[in-house]
């Protein structure tokens, strides 16, 4: 397996992967549709974020997106194909995001996590620092986590 930079010609496939990955939490089709715009990887995002893709034998298995602003970085997305959950791929992608942030001078990585993923991030060293409203679902609140680099 290798981790490489995303290409513009695969953004639709990465957006679909994000929706498949989010669906494993049992969200309804209406919920997923409401999240579609926020989970869509656009050329503009590719230009402003570092998006790394985990690939094996030509198959995209997951991706992570990081946006760095001076000493702070945001983990914008981290998604893994459902049949690769539990394989350690998510941890490898998180490590790649941490390395990307560190090498760009960031000292902290902020994560607006899906509530179902909060424990996973905390087991990898993140701490909850607050909450924020969902960008897709009115009334929904997401945990905000921080990973010190």
Foldseek 3Di string as FASTA:
>chain_A
DDKDFDDQVCQVVQLVQQLQQVCVVVDDPVLSVLCSVLSRDHPVQSVAWGKMFDDDPRDTFWIWIWGEDAQEIEGSDTGGRPVCPPVCVSVVRVVVRVVVNVVRNHFKYKYQDDVVCVVVVVVVAKDFDAWDADPRDPPDITTIIMHGD
